[in-house]
Amino acid sequence: MLLRFEQFCRERQFLSNVSPATLEWYKHSFKWLRSESPTQDDLKDAVLRMREKGLKARGVQFRN
């Protein structure tokens, strides 16, 4: 799973030119996922758990 995530980050960094702050957000958010291939329900669960821990809505948005 870690290799796929690292590949995702590299692609986002070099192909989409995301900021270093966005890459850090990916790393933080990755820890909340319970599955290597999350479904929509898995993503919703992660958002709910993040919000329950007090994270702000803007910091927990997952995009399709």
PDB file of N, CA and C in Angstrom:
ATOM      1  N   MET A   1       0.817  -1.196   0.000  1.00  0.00           N
ATOM      2  CA  MET A   1       0.000   0.000   0.000  1.00  0.00           C
ATOM      3  C   MET A   1       0.855   1.251   0.000  1.00  0.00           C
ATOM      4  N   LEU A   2       1.940   1.228   0.734  1.00  0.00           N
ATOM      5  CA  LEU A   2       2.796   2.396   0.830  1.00  0.00           C
ATOM      6  C   LEU A   2       3.384   2.778  -0.527  1.00  0.00           C
ATOM      7  N   LEU A   3       3.761   1.803  -1.328  1.00  0.00           N
ATOM      8  CA  LEU A   3       4.319   2.105  -2.649  1.00  0.00           C
ATOM      9  C   LEU A   3       3.297   2.808  -3.536  1.00  0.00           C
ATOM     10  N   ARG A   4       2.053   2.352  -3.483  1.00  0.00           N
ATOM     11  CA  ARG A   4       1.000   2.993  -4.284  1.00  0.00           C
ATOM     12  C   ARG A   4       0.780   4.425  -3.828  1.00  0.00           C
ATOM     13  N   PHE A   5       0.821   4.636  -2.520  1.00  0.00           N
ATOM     14  CA  PHE A   5       0.632   5.981  -1.991  1.00  0.00           C
ATOM     15  C   PHE A   5       1.791   6.885  -2.401  1.00  0.00           C
ATOM     16  N   GLU A   6       3.004   6.379  -2.313  1.00  0.00           N
ATOM     17  CA  GLU A   6       4.171   7.168  -2.724  1.00  0.00           C
ATOM     18  C   GLU A   6       4.097   7.521  -4.209  1.00  0.00           C
ATOM     19  N   GLN A   7       3.637   6.589  -5.028  1.00  0.00           N
ATOM     20  CA  GLN A   7       3.475   6.846  -6.458  1.00  0.00           C
ATOM     21  C   GLN A   7       2.428   7.938  -6.674  1.00  0.00           C
ATOM     22  N   PHE A   8       1.330   7.846  -5.947  1.00  0.00           N
ATOM     23  CA  PHE A   8       0.284   8.868  -6.025  1.00  0.00           C
ATOM     24  C   PHE A   8       0.860  10.247  -5.694  1.00  0.00           C
ATOM     25  N   CYS A   9       1.619  10.336  -4.607  1.00  0.00           N
ATOM     26  CA  CYS A   9       2.208  11.616  -4.205  1.00  0.00           C
ATOM     27  C   CYS A   9       3.171  12.153  -5.255  1.00  0.00           C
ATOM     28  N   ARG A  10       3.999  11.291  -5.804  1.00  0.00           N
ATOM     29  CA  ARG A  10       4.936  11.741  -6.851  1.00  0.00           C
ATOM     30  C   ARG A  10       4.191  12.255  -8.076  1.00  0.00           C
ATOM     31  N   GLU A  11       3.146  11.535  -8.475  1.00  0.00           N
ATOM     32  CA  GLU A  11       2.360  11.971  -9.633  1.00  0.00           C
ATOM     33  C   GLU A  11       1.700  13.316  -9.367  1.00  0.00           C
ATOM     34  N   ARG A  12       1.132  13.475  -8.180  1.00  0.00           N
ATOM     35  CA  ARG A  12       0.484  14.747  -7.850  1.00  0.00           C
ATOM     36  C   ARG A  12       1.508  15.880  -7.790  1.00  0.00           C
ATOM     37  N   GLN A  13       2.696  15.586  -7.264  1.00  0.00           N
ATOM     38  CA  GLN A  13       3.724  16.604  -7.140  1.00  0.00           C
ATOM     39  C   GLN A  13       4.233  17.053  -8.505  1.00  0.00           C
ATOM     40  N   PHE A  14       4.555  16.105  -9.362  1.00  0.00           N
ATOM     41  CA  PHE A  14       5.221  16.464 -10.618  1.00  0.00           C
ATOM     42  C   PHE A  14       4.280  16.629 -11.804  1.00  0.00           C
ATOM     43  N   LEU A  15       3.138  15.965 -11.794  1.00  0.00           N
ATOM     44  CA  LEU A  15       2.209  16.093 -12.916  1.00  0.00           C
ATOM     45  C   LEU A  15       1.124  17.127 -12.665  1.00  0.00           C
ATOM     46  N   SER A  16       0.738  17.288 -11.407  1.00  0.00           N
ATOM     47  CA  SER A  16      -0.315  18.254 -11.072  1.00  0.00           C
ATOM     48  C   SER A  16       0.229  19.480 -10.351  1.00  0.00           C
ATOM     49  N   ASN A  17       1.512  19.439 -10.005  1.00  0.00           N
ATOM     50  CA  ASN A  17       2.184  20.575  -9.384  1.00  0.00           C
ATOM     51  C   ASN A  17       1.511  21.032  -8.090  1.00  0.00           C
ATOM     52  N   VAL A  18       1.125  20.070  -7.245  1.00  0.00           N
ATOM     53  CA  VAL A  18       0.525  20.451  -5.966  1.00  0.00           C
ATOM     54  C   VAL A  18       1.599  21.024  -5.051  1.00  0.00           C
ATOM     55  N   SER A  19       1.155  21.783  -4.085  1.00  0.00           N
ATOM     56  CA  SER A  19       2.091  22.455  -3.177  1.00  0.00           C
ATOM     57  C   SER A  19       2.643  21.479  -2.140  1.00  0.00           C
ATOM     58  N   PRO A  20       3.757  21.836  -1.508  1.00  0.00           N
ATOM     59  CA  PRO A  20       4.276  21.012  -0.413  1.00  0.00           C
ATOM     60  C   PRO A  20       3.256  20.845   0.713  1.00  0.00           C
ATOM     61  N   ALA A  21       2.456  21.881   0.963  1.00  0.00           N
ATOM     62  CA  ALA A  21       1.425  21.777   2.006  1.00  0.00           C
ATOM     63  C   ALA A  21       0.381  20.727   1.635  1.00  0.00           C
ATOM     64  N   THR A  22       0.033  20.639   0.362  1.00  0.00           N
ATOM     65  CA  THR A  22      -0.933  19.632  -0.092  1.00  0.00           C
ATOM     66  C   THR A  22      -0.353  18.240   0.077  1.00  0.00           C
ATOM     67  N   LEU A  23       0.911  18.069  -0.237  1.00  0.00           N
ATOM     68  CA  LEU A  23       1.553  16.761  -0.048  1.00  0.00           C
ATOM     69  C   LEU A  23       1.548  16.362   1.420  1.00  0.00           C
ATOM     70  N   GLU A  24       1.755  17.311   2.317  1.00  0.00           N
ATOM     71  CA  GLU A  24       1.693  17.024   3.747  1.00  0.00           C
ATOM     72  C   GLU A  24       0.284  16.638   4.160  1.00  0.00           C
ATOM     73  N   TRP A  25      -0.714  17.309   3.573  1.00  0.00           N
ATOM     74  CA  TRP A  25      -2.105  16.969   3.873  1.00  0.00           C
ATOM     75  C   TRP A  25      -2.401  15.541   3.434  1.00  0.00           C
ATOM     76  N   TYR A  26      -1.899  15.146   2.259  1.00  0.00           N
ATOM     77  CA  TYR A  26      -2.089  13.762   1.798  1.00  0.00           C
ATOM     78  C   TYR A  26      -1.515  12.783   2.814  1.00  0.00           C
ATOM     79  N   LYS A  27      -0.316  13.063   3.296  1.00  0.00           N
ATOM     80  CA  LYS A  27       0.329  12.155   4.252  1.00  0.00           C
ATOM     81  C   LYS A  27      -0.466  12.064   5.547  1.00  0.00           C
ATOM     82  N   HIS A  28      -0.973  13.199   6.002  1.00  0.00           N
ATOM     83  CA  HIS A  28      -1.780  13.209   7.224  1.00  0.00           C
ATOM     84  C   HIS A  28      -3.082  12.431   7.009  1.00  0.00           C
ATOM     85  N   SER A  29      -3.742  12.682   5.897  1.00  0.00           N
ATOM     86  CA  SER A  29      -5.031  12.047   5.616  1.00  0.00           C
ATOM     87  C   SER A  29      -4.894  10.558   5.371  1.00  0.00           C
ATOM     88  N   PHE A  30      -3.785  10.142   4.788  1.00  0.00           N
ATOM     89  CA  PHE A  30      -3.544   8.734   4.490  1.00  0.00           C
ATOM     90  C   PHE A  30      -3.669   7.872   5.745  1.00  0.00           C
ATOM     91  N   LYS A  31      -3.255   8.412   6.861  1.00  0.00           N
ATOM     92  CA  LYS A  31      -3.280   7.667   8.120  1.00  0.00           C
ATOM     93  C   LYS A  31      -4.705   7.337   8.564  1.00  0.00           C
ATOM     94  N   TRP A  32      -5.676   8.073   8.085  1.00  0.00           N
ATOM     95  CA  TRP A  32      -7.061   7.854   8.487  1.00  0.00           C
ATOM     96  C   TRP A  32      -7.743   6.763   7.670  1.00  0.00           C
ATOM     97  N   LEU A  33      -7.181   6.396   6.537  1.00  0.00           N
ATOM     98  CA  LEU A  33      -7.804   5.386   5.678  1.00  0.00           C
ATOM     99  C   LEU A  33      -7.521   3.989   6.211  1.00  0.00           C
ATOM    100  N   ARG A  34      -8.533   3.150   6.161  1.00  0.00           N
ATOM    101  CA  ARG A  34      -8.408   1.791   6.674  1.00  0.00           C
ATOM    102  C   ARG A  34      -8.251   0.760   5.572  1.00  0.00           C
ATOM    103  N   SER A  35      -8.265   1.198   4.334  1.00  0.00           N
ATOM    104  CA  SER A  35      -8.230   0.281   3.211  1.00  0.00           C
ATOM    105  C   SER A  35      -7.260   0.772   2.146  1.00  0.00           C
ATOM    106  N   GLU A  36      -6.622  -0.169   1.472  1.00  0.00           N
ATOM    107  CA  GLU A  36      -5.712   0.171   0.386  1.00  0.00           C
ATOM    108  C   GLU A  36      -6.469   0.744  -0.812  1.00  0.00           C
ATOM    109  N   SER A  37      -7.663   0.262  -1.028  1.00  0.00           N
ATOM    110  CA  SER A  37      -8.516   0.741  -2.121  1.00  0.00           C
ATOM    111  C   SER A  37      -9.849   1.190  -1.523  1.00  0.00           C
ATOM    112  N   PRO A  38      -9.875   2.370  -0.943  1.00  0.00           N
ATOM    113  CA  PRO A  38     -11.082   2.792  -0.232  1.00  0.00           C
ATOM    114  C   PRO A  38     -12.277   3.003  -1.158  1.00  0.00           C
ATOM    115  N   THR A  39     -13.430   2.581  -0.670  1.00  0.00           N
ATOM    116  CA  THR A  39     -14.691   2.822  -1.358  1.00  0.00           C
ATOM    117  C   THR A  39     -15.220   4.181  -0.915  1.00  0.00           C
ATOM    118  N   GLN A  40     -16.318   4.599  -1.500  1.00  0.00           N
ATOM    119  CA  GLN A  40     -16.951   5.846  -1.068  1.00  0.00           C
ATOM    120  C   GLN A  40     -17.326   5.755   0.409  1.00  0.00           C
ATOM    121  N   ASP A  41     -17.825   4.593   0.835  1.00  0.00           N
ATOM    122  CA  ASP A  41     -18.181   4.421   2.247  1.00  0.00           C
ATOM    123  C   ASP A  41     -16.954   4.512   3.145  1.00  0.00           C
ATOM    124  N   ASP A  42     -15.823   3.964   2.709  1.00  0.00           N
ATOM    125  CA  ASP A  42     -14.579   4.063   3.478  1.00  0.00           C
ATOM    126  C   ASP A  42     -14.147   5.524   3.614  1.00  0.00           C
ATOM    127  N   LEU A  43     -14.281   6.277   2.528  1.00  0.00           N
ATOM    128  CA  LEU A  43     -13.911   7.690   2.567  1.00  0.00           C
ATOM    129  C   LEU A  43     -14.830   8.476   3.494  1.00  0.00           C
ATOM    130  N   LYS A  44     -16.132   8.181   3.430  1.00  0.00           N
ATOM    131  CA  LYS A  44     -17.081   8.837   4.330  1.00  0.00           C
ATOM    132  C   LYS A  44     -16.750   8.516   5.783  1.00  0.00           C
ATOM    133  N   ASP A  45     -16.412   7.260   6.047  1.00  0.00           N
ATOM    134  CA  ASP A  45     -16.046   6.852   7.407  1.00  0.00           C
ATOM    135  C   ASP A  45     -14.829   7.629   7.893  1.00  0.00           C
ATOM    136  N   ALA A  46     -13.831   7.784   7.032  1.00  0.00           N
ATOM    137  CA  ALA A  46     -12.628   8.522   7.415  1.00  0.00           C
ATOM    138  C   ALA A  46     -12.972   9.978   7.728  1.00  0.00           C
ATOM    139  N   VAL A  47     -13.822  10.587   6.903  1.00  0.00           N
ATOM    140  CA  VAL A  47     -14.222  11.980   7.133  1.00  0.00           C
ATOM    141  C   VAL A  47     -14.973  12.098   8.453  1.00  0.00           C
ATOM    142  N   LEU A  48     -15.890  11.177   8.710  1.00  0.00           N
ATOM    143  CA  LEU A  48     -16.642  11.217   9.970  1.00  0.00           C
ATOM    144  C   LEU A  48     -15.716  11.101  11.173  1.00  0.00           C
ATOM    145  N   ARG A  49     -14.760  10.180  11.111  1.00  0.00           N
ATOM    146  CA  ARG A  49     -13.831  10.013  12.225  1.00  0.00           C
ATOM    147  C   ARG A  49     -12.961  11.252  12.410  1.00  0.00           C
ATOM    148  N   MET A  50     -12.524  11.857  11.301  1.00  0.00           N
ATOM    149  CA  MET A  50     -11.704  13.064  11.385  1.00  0.00           C
ATOM    150  C   MET A  50     -12.499  14.212  12.012  1.00  0.00           C
ATOM    151  N   ARG A  51     -13.749  14.360  11.582  1.00  0.00           N
ATOM    152  CA  ARG A  51     -14.596  15.430  12.128  1.00  0.00           C
ATOM    153  C   ARG A  51     -14.885  15.188  13.604  1.00  0.00           C
ATOM    154  N   GLU A  52     -15.111  13.927  13.974  1.00  0.00           N
ATOM    155  CA  GLU A  52     -15.374  13.602  15.374  1.00  0.00           C
ATOM    156  C   GLU A  52     -14.174  13.931  16.261  1.00  0.00           C
ATOM    157  N   LYS A  53     -12.986  13.899  15.696  1.00  0.00           N
ATOM    158  CA  LYS A  53     -11.770  14.239  16.446  1.00  0.00           C
ATOM    159  C   LYS A  53     -11.518  15.740  16.455  1.00  0.00           C
ATOM    160  N   GLY A  54     -12.409  16.511  15.827  1.00  0.00           N
ATOM    161  CA  GLY A  54     -12.309  17.959  15.899  1.00  0.00           C
ATOM    162  C   GLY A  54     -11.648  18.639  14.713  1.00  0.00           C
ATOM    163  N   LEU A  55     -11.337  17.902  13.663  1.00  0.00           N
ATOM    164  CA  LEU A  55     -10.754  18.545  12.484  1.00  0.00           C
ATOM    165  C   LEU A  55     -11.826  19.352  11.764  1.00  0.00           C
ATOM    166  N   LYS A  56     -11.434  20.464  11.208  1.00  0.00           N
ATOM    167  CA  LYS A  56     -12.373  21.342  10.524  1.00  0.00           C
ATOM    168  C   LYS A  56     -12.782  20.743   9.180  1.00  0.00           C
ATOM    169  N   ALA A  57     -13.976  21.099   8.723  1.00  0.00           N
ATOM    170  CA  ALA A  57     -14.521  20.554   7.484  1.00  0.00           C
ATOM    171  C   ALA A  57     -13.576  20.781   6.297  1.00  0.00           C
ATOM    172  N   ARG A  58     -12.997  21.939   6.212  1.00  0.00           N
ATOM    173  CA  ARG A  58     -12.117  22.252   5.078  1.00  0.00           C
ATOM    174  C   ARG A  58     -10.886  21.334   5.057  1.00  0.00           C
ATOM    175  N   GLY A  59     -10.467  20.860   6.203  1.00  0.00           N
ATOM    176  CA  GLY A  59      -9.286  20.013   6.296  1.00  0.00           C
ATOM    177  C   GLY A  59      -9.550  18.543   6.061  1.00  0.00           C
ATOM    178  N   VAL A  60     -10.820  18.170   5.880  1.00  0.00           N
ATOM    179  CA  VAL A  60     -11.111  16.748   5.717  1.00  0.00           C
ATOM    180  C   VAL A  60     -11.839  16.434   4.420  1.00  0.00           C
ATOM    181  N   GLN A  61     -11.832  17.338   3.477  1.00  0.00           N
ATOM    182  CA  GLN A  61     -12.518  17.107   2.214  1.00  0.00           C
ATOM    183  C   GLN A  61     -11.769  16.087   1.378  1.00  0.00           C
ATOM    184  N   PHE A  62     -12.502  15.088   0.904  1.00  0.00           N
ATOM    185  CA  PHE A  62     -11.965  14.153  -0.082  1.00  0.00           C
ATOM    186  C   PHE A  62     -12.662  14.427  -1.389  1.00  0.00           C
ATOM    187  N   ARG A  63     -11.916  14.438  -2.435  1.00  0.00           N
ATOM    188  CA  ARG A  63     -12.509  14.711  -3.746  1.00  0.00           C
ATOM    189  C   ARG A  63     -12.535  13.433  -4.566  1.00  0.00           C
ATOM    190  N   ASN A  64     -13.585  13.321  -5.392  1.00  0.00           N
ATOM    191  CA  ASN A  64     -13.703  12.156  -6.279  1.00  0.00           C
ATOM    192  C   ASN A  64     -12.813  12.343  -7.472  1.00  0.00           C
TER     193      ASN A  64
END
